[in-house]
N, C-alpha and C. Protein backbone atom coordinates (compact mmCIF):
# COMPACT_ATOMS: atom_id res chain seq x y z
N MET A 1 60.71 9.52 137.07
CA MET A 1 59.79 10.19 137.09
C MET A 1 58.96 9.49 138.33
N GLU A 2 58.74 8.31 138.49
CA GLU A 2 57.60 8.01 139.63
C GLU A 2 58.28 8.31 140.93
N ASP A 3 59.77 8.71 141.26
CA ASP A 3 60.22 8.96 142.44
C ASP A 3 59.80 10.42 142.51
N ASP A 4 59.37 11.08 141.83
CA ASP A 4 59.11 12.48 142.17
C ASP A 4 58.00 13.27 141.46
N LEU A 5 57.00 12.78 141.20
CA LEU A 5 55.57 13.22 140.21
C LEU A 5 55.44 14.56 140.81
N PRO A 6 55.06 14.93 141.91
CA PRO A 6 54.92 16.24 142.43
C PRO A 6 55.98 17.20 141.85
N GLY A 7 57.17 17.14 141.79
CA GLY A 7 58.25 17.76 141.21
C GLY A 7 58.18 18.24 140.17
N HIS A 8 58.16 17.00 139.20
CA HIS A 8 57.82 17.03 137.84
C HIS A 8 56.41 18.02 137.45
N THR A 9 55.74 17.53 138.18
CA THR A 9 53.90 18.58 137.71
C THR A 9 54.12 19.84 137.89
N LYS A 10 54.92 20.22 139.22
CA LYS A 10 55.58 21.72 139.22
C LYS A 10 56.07 22.11 138.38
N TRP A 11 57.25 21.57 137.66
CA TRP A 11 57.79 21.97 136.94
C TRP A 11 57.12 22.11 135.60
N ALA A 12 56.48 20.97 135.49
CA ALA A 12 55.37 21.09 134.04
C ALA A 12 54.65 22.44 134.13
N GLY A 13 54.11 22.95 135.25
CA GLY A 13 53.59 24.01 135.44
C GLY A 13 54.26 25.27 135.08
N ARG A 14 55.39 25.32 135.48
CA ARG A 14 56.33 26.57 134.87
C ARG A 14 56.76 26.47 133.57
N VAL A 15 56.53 25.28 132.91
CA VAL A 15 56.56 25.20 131.36
C VAL A 15 55.56 25.74 130.75
N THR A 16 54.58 25.38 131.46
CA THR A 16 53.07 26.14 130.93
C THR A 16 52.93 27.51 131.15
N ALA A 17 53.55 28.25 131.85
CA ALA A 17 53.46 29.46 132.21
C ALA A 17 54.26 30.27 131.11
N ALA A 18 55.69 29.62 130.95
CA ALA A 18 56.52 30.11 129.88
C ALA A 18 56.04 30.12 128.69
N LEU A 19 55.23 29.20 128.33
CA LEU A 19 54.78 28.93 126.97
C LEU A 19 53.67 30.10 126.74
N ALA A 20 52.90 30.37 127.77
CA ALA A 20 51.85 31.47 127.67
C ALA A 20 52.42 32.79 127.15
N GLU A 21 53.56 32.91 128.11
CA GLU A 21 54.22 34.25 128.10
C GLU A 21 54.65 34.28 126.56
N GLN A 22 55.68 33.12 125.98
CA GLN A 22 56.29 33.16 124.77
C GLN A 22 55.29 33.48 123.82
N THR A 23 54.11 32.61 123.97
CA THR A 23 52.88 33.04 122.66
C THR A 23 52.50 34.37 122.60
N ARG A 24 52.29 35.05 123.98
CA ARG A 24 51.81 36.66 124.26
C ARG A 24 52.77 37.19 123.38
N ALA A 25 54.12 36.91 123.81
CA ALA A 25 55.01 37.88 123.27
C ALA A 25 55.08 37.65 121.70
N LEU A 26 54.88 36.42 121.08
CA LEU A 26 55.05 36.57 119.67
C LEU A 26 53.62 37.16 118.88
N ARG A 27 52.85 36.87 119.46
CA ARG A 27 51.56 37.69 119.31
C ARG A 27 51.51 39.21 119.22
N ALA A 28 52.56 39.95 120.14
CA ALA A 28 52.44 41.15 120.61
C ALA A 28 53.21 41.88 119.11
N HIS A 29 54.36 41.22 118.53
CA HIS A 29 54.98 41.61 117.64
C HIS A 29 54.27 41.88 116.28
N ALA A 30 54.70 42.78 115.67
CA ALA A 30 54.03 42.94 114.38
C ALA A 30 54.96 42.43 113.44
N TRP A 31 54.92 40.99 113.19
CA TRP A 31 55.87 40.24 111.95
C TRP A 31 55.48 40.66 110.46
N GLN A 32 56.47 40.95 109.30
CA GLN A 32 55.96 41.27 108.10
C GLN A 32 56.26 39.78 107.23
N GLY A 33 55.58 39.90 106.10
CA GLY A 33 55.55 38.94 105.09
C GLY A 33 55.85 37.50 105.35
N ASP A 34 56.78 36.73 105.18
CA ASP A 34 56.65 35.18 105.10
C ASP A 34 57.02 35.11 106.80
N ALA A 35 57.82 36.07 107.71
CA ALA A 35 57.86 35.90 109.02
C ALA A 35 56.57 35.89 109.58
N GLN A 36 55.60 36.61 109.33
CA GLN A 36 54.17 36.67 109.90
C GLN A 36 53.51 35.25 109.83
N ARG A 37 53.61 34.83 108.56
CA ARG A 37 52.97 33.27 108.51
C ARG A 37 53.84 32.43 109.30
N ALA A 38 55.30 32.16 109.43
CA ALA A 38 55.90 31.52 110.03
C ALA A 38 55.66 31.50 111.46
N VAL A 39 55.78 32.65 112.01
CA VAL A 39 55.35 32.87 113.75
C VAL A 39 54.23 32.42 113.81
N ALA A 40 53.01 32.68 112.96
CA ALA A 40 51.61 32.46 113.11
C ALA A 40 51.36 30.65 113.14
N GLY A 41 52.31 29.87 112.48
CA GLY A 41 52.40 28.45 112.38
C GLY A 41 53.10 27.89 113.68
N ARG A 42 54.33 28.81 114.42
CA ARG A 42 54.72 28.44 115.58
C ARG A 42 53.91 28.80 116.69
N THR A 43 53.31 29.90 116.63
CA THR A 43 52.24 30.20 117.84
C THR A 43 51.53 29.15 117.90
N ALA A 44 50.63 28.88 117.05
CA ALA A 44 49.76 27.61 116.77
C ALA A 44 50.28 26.29 117.63
N ALA A 45 51.59 26.05 117.06
CA ALA A 45 52.22 24.68 117.72
C ALA A 45 52.47 25.14 119.26
N LEU A 46 52.79 26.08 119.62
CA LEU A 46 53.19 26.53 121.06
C LEU A 46 51.82 26.74 121.87
N ASP A 47 50.63 26.80 121.25
CA ASP A 47 49.30 26.59 121.81
C ASP A 47 49.13 25.68 122.30
N ARG A 48 49.04 24.55 120.82
CA ARG A 48 49.09 23.06 121.31
C ARG A 48 49.92 22.58 122.49
N ALA A 49 51.27 22.86 122.36
CA ALA A 49 52.31 22.60 123.50
C ALA A 49 52.09 22.97 124.94
N HIS A 50 51.44 24.30 124.95
CA HIS A 50 50.95 24.78 126.27
C HIS A 50 49.74 23.94 126.78
N GLU A 51 48.80 23.21 125.90
CA GLU A 51 47.52 22.27 126.40
C GLU A 51 48.33 21.12 126.89
N GLU A 52 49.21 20.39 126.15
CA GLU A 52 49.78 19.29 126.71
C GLU A 52 50.76 19.30 127.76
N TRP A 53 51.28 20.41 128.10
CA TRP A 53 52.20 20.96 129.25
C TRP A 53 51.36 20.94 130.45
N GLY A 54 50.11 21.81 130.01
CA GLY A 54 48.96 21.89 131.07
C GLY A 54 48.57 20.72 131.87
N LYS A 55 48.21 19.64 130.64
CA LYS A 55 47.82 18.44 131.28
C LYS A 55 48.81 17.53 132.11
N ALA A 56 50.15 17.75 131.61
CA ALA A 56 51.40 17.15 132.26
C ALA A 56 51.34 17.83 133.67
N ALA A 57 51.08 18.97 133.71
CA ALA A 57 51.29 19.82 134.89
C ALA A 57 50.20 19.09 136.23
N THR A 58 49.08 18.61 135.62
CA THR A 58 47.89 18.28 136.62
C THR A 58 47.80 16.85 136.46
N ALA A 59 48.67 16.02 135.87
CA ALA A 59 48.75 14.86 135.81
C ALA A 59 49.02 13.94 137.11
N THR A 60 48.00 13.09 137.65
CA THR A 60 48.01 12.39 138.75
C THR A 60 48.91 11.14 138.98
N ASP A 61 49.17 10.74 137.80
CA ASP A 61 50.15 9.18 137.59
C ASP A 61 51.38 9.72 136.99
N SER A 62 52.37 8.86 136.72
CA SER A 62 53.55 8.99 135.99
C SER A 62 53.35 8.77 134.36
N ASP A 63 52.44 7.87 133.98
CA ASP A 63 52.01 7.47 132.88
C ASP A 63 51.11 8.47 132.17
N THR A 64 50.77 9.44 132.71
CA THR A 64 49.80 10.38 132.15
C THR A 64 50.64 11.56 131.90
N PHE A 65 51.37 11.64 132.79
CA PHE A 65 52.44 12.94 132.92
C PHE A 65 53.74 12.58 131.61
N VAL A 66 54.05 11.43 131.42
CA VAL A 66 54.89 11.23 130.60
C VAL A 66 54.15 11.48 129.03
N THR A 67 53.05 10.85 128.87
CA THR A 67 52.23 10.94 127.71
C THR A 67 51.91 12.70 127.12
N HIS A 68 51.49 13.38 128.17
CA HIS A 68 51.51 14.81 128.00
C HIS A 68 52.89 15.56 127.58
N TYR A 69 53.98 15.31 128.35
CA TYR A 69 55.45 15.59 128.44
C TYR A 69 55.92 15.29 126.93
N ASP A 70 55.52 14.26 126.38
CA ASP A 70 56.23 13.69 125.41
C ASP A 70 55.40 14.42 123.94
N ARG A 71 54.06 14.41 123.92
CA ARG A 71 53.52 15.18 123.05
C ARG A 71 53.85 16.76 123.22
N GLY A 72 53.96 17.30 124.52
CA GLY A 72 54.15 18.87 124.43
C GLY A 72 55.60 18.91 124.12
N SER A 73 56.64 18.22 124.21
CA SER A 73 58.01 18.36 123.76
C SER A 73 58.28 18.29 122.33
N ALA A 74 57.51 17.26 121.70
CA ALA A 74 57.16 17.29 120.26
C ALA A 74 57.07 18.12 119.65
N LEU A 75 55.86 19.05 120.24
CA LEU A 75 55.50 20.35 119.44
C LEU A 75 56.20 21.68 119.56
N LEU A 76 57.41 21.45 120.80
CA LEU A 76 58.14 22.67 120.43
C LEU A 76 59.51 22.19 119.71
N GLU A 77 59.56 21.01 118.95
CA GLU A 77 60.68 20.72 118.54
C GLU A 77 60.34 20.66 116.63
N GLY A 78 58.94 20.84 116.74
CA GLY A 78 58.51 20.26 115.28
C GLY A 78 58.83 21.29 114.13
N ARG A 79 58.25 21.08 112.95
CA ARG A 79 58.63 21.63 111.50
C ARG A 79 58.27 23.13 111.93
N ALA A 80 57.15 23.66 112.53
CA ALA A 80 57.07 25.10 112.79
C ALA A 80 58.01 25.95 113.32
N ALA A 81 58.81 25.00 114.66
CA ALA A 81 60.10 25.79 114.85
C ALA A 81 60.91 26.19 113.94
N VAL A 82 61.45 25.20 113.18
CA VAL A 82 62.43 25.34 112.08
C VAL A 82 61.78 26.28 111.10
N THR A 83 60.75 25.98 110.57
CA THR A 83 60.15 27.16 109.90
C THR A 83 60.13 28.61 110.24
N ALA A 84 59.82 28.91 111.30
CA ALA A 84 59.80 30.32 112.01
C ALA A 84 61.37 30.46 111.84
N ARG A 85 62.06 29.80 112.52
CA ARG A 85 63.60 30.22 112.85
C ARG A 85 64.21 30.59 111.55
N LYS A 86 64.07 29.67 110.35
CA LYS A 86 64.60 30.15 109.05
C LYS A 86 63.93 31.54 108.46
N ALA A 87 62.60 31.84 108.62
CA ALA A 87 61.98 33.17 108.38
C ALA A 87 62.76 34.21 109.14
N LEU A 88 63.21 33.86 110.33
CA LEU A 88 63.44 35.12 111.17
C LEU A 88 64.88 35.10 110.81
N GLY A 89 65.56 34.30 110.00
CA GLY A 89 67.14 34.37 109.66
C GLY A 89 67.92 33.68 111.04
N LEU A 90 67.43 32.98 111.76
CA LEU A 90 68.10 32.01 112.69
C LEU A 90 68.45 30.88 112.69
N ALA A 91 69.38 30.14 113.24
CA ALA A 91 69.82 28.97 112.89
C ALA A 91 68.80 27.83 113.10
N THR A 92 68.91 26.72 112.18
CA THR A 92 67.69 26.02 112.29
C THR A 92 68.32 24.57 112.67
N THR A 93 69.67 24.39 112.86
CA THR A 93 70.30 23.37 113.19
C THR A 93 70.22 22.62 114.69
N PRO A 94 69.60 21.97 114.78
CA PRO A 94 69.31 21.34 116.62
C PRO A 94 70.59 21.39 117.29
N PRO A 95 70.60 21.54 118.33
CA PRO A 95 71.91 21.12 119.37
C PRO A 95 72.06 20.20 119.69
N SER A 96 73.54 19.95 119.72
CA SER A 96 73.73 18.35 120.11
C SER A 96 73.23 17.91 121.58
N ARG A 97 73.10 16.90 121.97
CA ARG A 97 72.64 16.47 123.01
C ARG A 97 73.79 15.80 123.94
N SER A 98 73.70 15.82 125.24
CA SER A 98 74.68 15.12 125.81
C SER A 98 74.80 13.72 125.85
N GLY A 99 75.74 13.05 125.50
CA GLY A 99 75.72 11.58 125.63
C GLY A 99 75.37 11.14 124.13
N ASP A 100 75.38 12.11 123.31
CA ASP A 100 75.20 11.21 121.83
C ASP A 100 76.33 11.18 120.83
N GLY A 101 77.81 11.76 121.50
CA GLY A 101 78.74 11.22 121.04
C GLY A 101 79.55 12.84 120.37
N ALA A 102 78.63 13.70 120.58
CA ALA A 102 79.05 15.33 120.00
C ALA A 102 79.97 15.59 121.23
N GLU A 103 80.71 16.63 120.73
CA GLU A 103 81.52 16.86 121.87
C GLU A 103 80.98 18.57 121.92
N GLY A 104 81.24 19.32 123.35
CA GLY A 104 81.07 20.69 123.12
C GLY A 104 79.68 21.26 123.43
N GLY A 105 78.55 20.25 123.86
CA GLY A 105 77.90 20.77 124.47
C GLY A 105 76.61 21.48 123.35
N ASP A 106 75.82 22.55 123.83
CA ASP A 106 74.70 23.02 122.88
C ASP A 106 75.49 24.22 121.98
N ALA A 107 76.53 24.80 122.42
CA ALA A 107 77.13 26.05 121.47
C ALA A 107 77.58 25.67 120.11
N GLY A 108 77.25 26.32 119.23
CA GLY A 108 78.03 25.83 118.03
C GLY A 108 78.70 27.03 117.25
N SER A 109 79.09 26.73 116.32
CA SER A 109 79.75 27.71 115.50
C SER A 109 78.84 28.70 114.87
N ASP A 110 77.90 28.69 115.12
CA ASP A 110 76.85 29.83 114.71
C ASP A 110 76.60 30.82 115.87
N GLY A 111 77.46 30.57 116.96
CA GLY A 111 77.10 31.36 118.15
C GLY A 111 76.05 30.83 119.02
N GLY A 112 75.82 29.84 118.77
CA GLY A 112 74.69 28.87 119.82
C GLY A 112 73.49 28.92 119.60
N LYS A 113 73.02 29.56 118.53
CA LYS A 113 71.67 30.06 117.89
C LYS A 113 71.35 28.62 117.22
N LYS A 114 70.05 27.88 118.18
CA LYS A 114 70.01 26.59 117.82
C LYS A 114 68.25 26.67 117.74
N VAL A 115 67.46 25.58 117.51
CA VAL A 115 66.59 25.36 117.52
C VAL A 115 66.07 24.85 118.98
């Protein structure tokens, strides 16, 4: 991290922009029933993640960047993600991570639809 803070903050800026677009798209769609409530919860979590990633993007030191990166990342993977995916009929099993002993990467038997 310390070796390329400008590169990391630039990347965090791109994540911030992507989160803004994602929440805009989620709000633009007319969701029905359980999906509406679940997507609203997910959108609220994404709004909080957007704030954290924005702070990471403007960090002036590695410790501040990591603090906001960790908070923002946790919000992307939280309960709201699983609840929304379940309500939309999407897979809720997290992808395997490289180096955790699992083989095959991120695609699974469900066509790669992962949280």
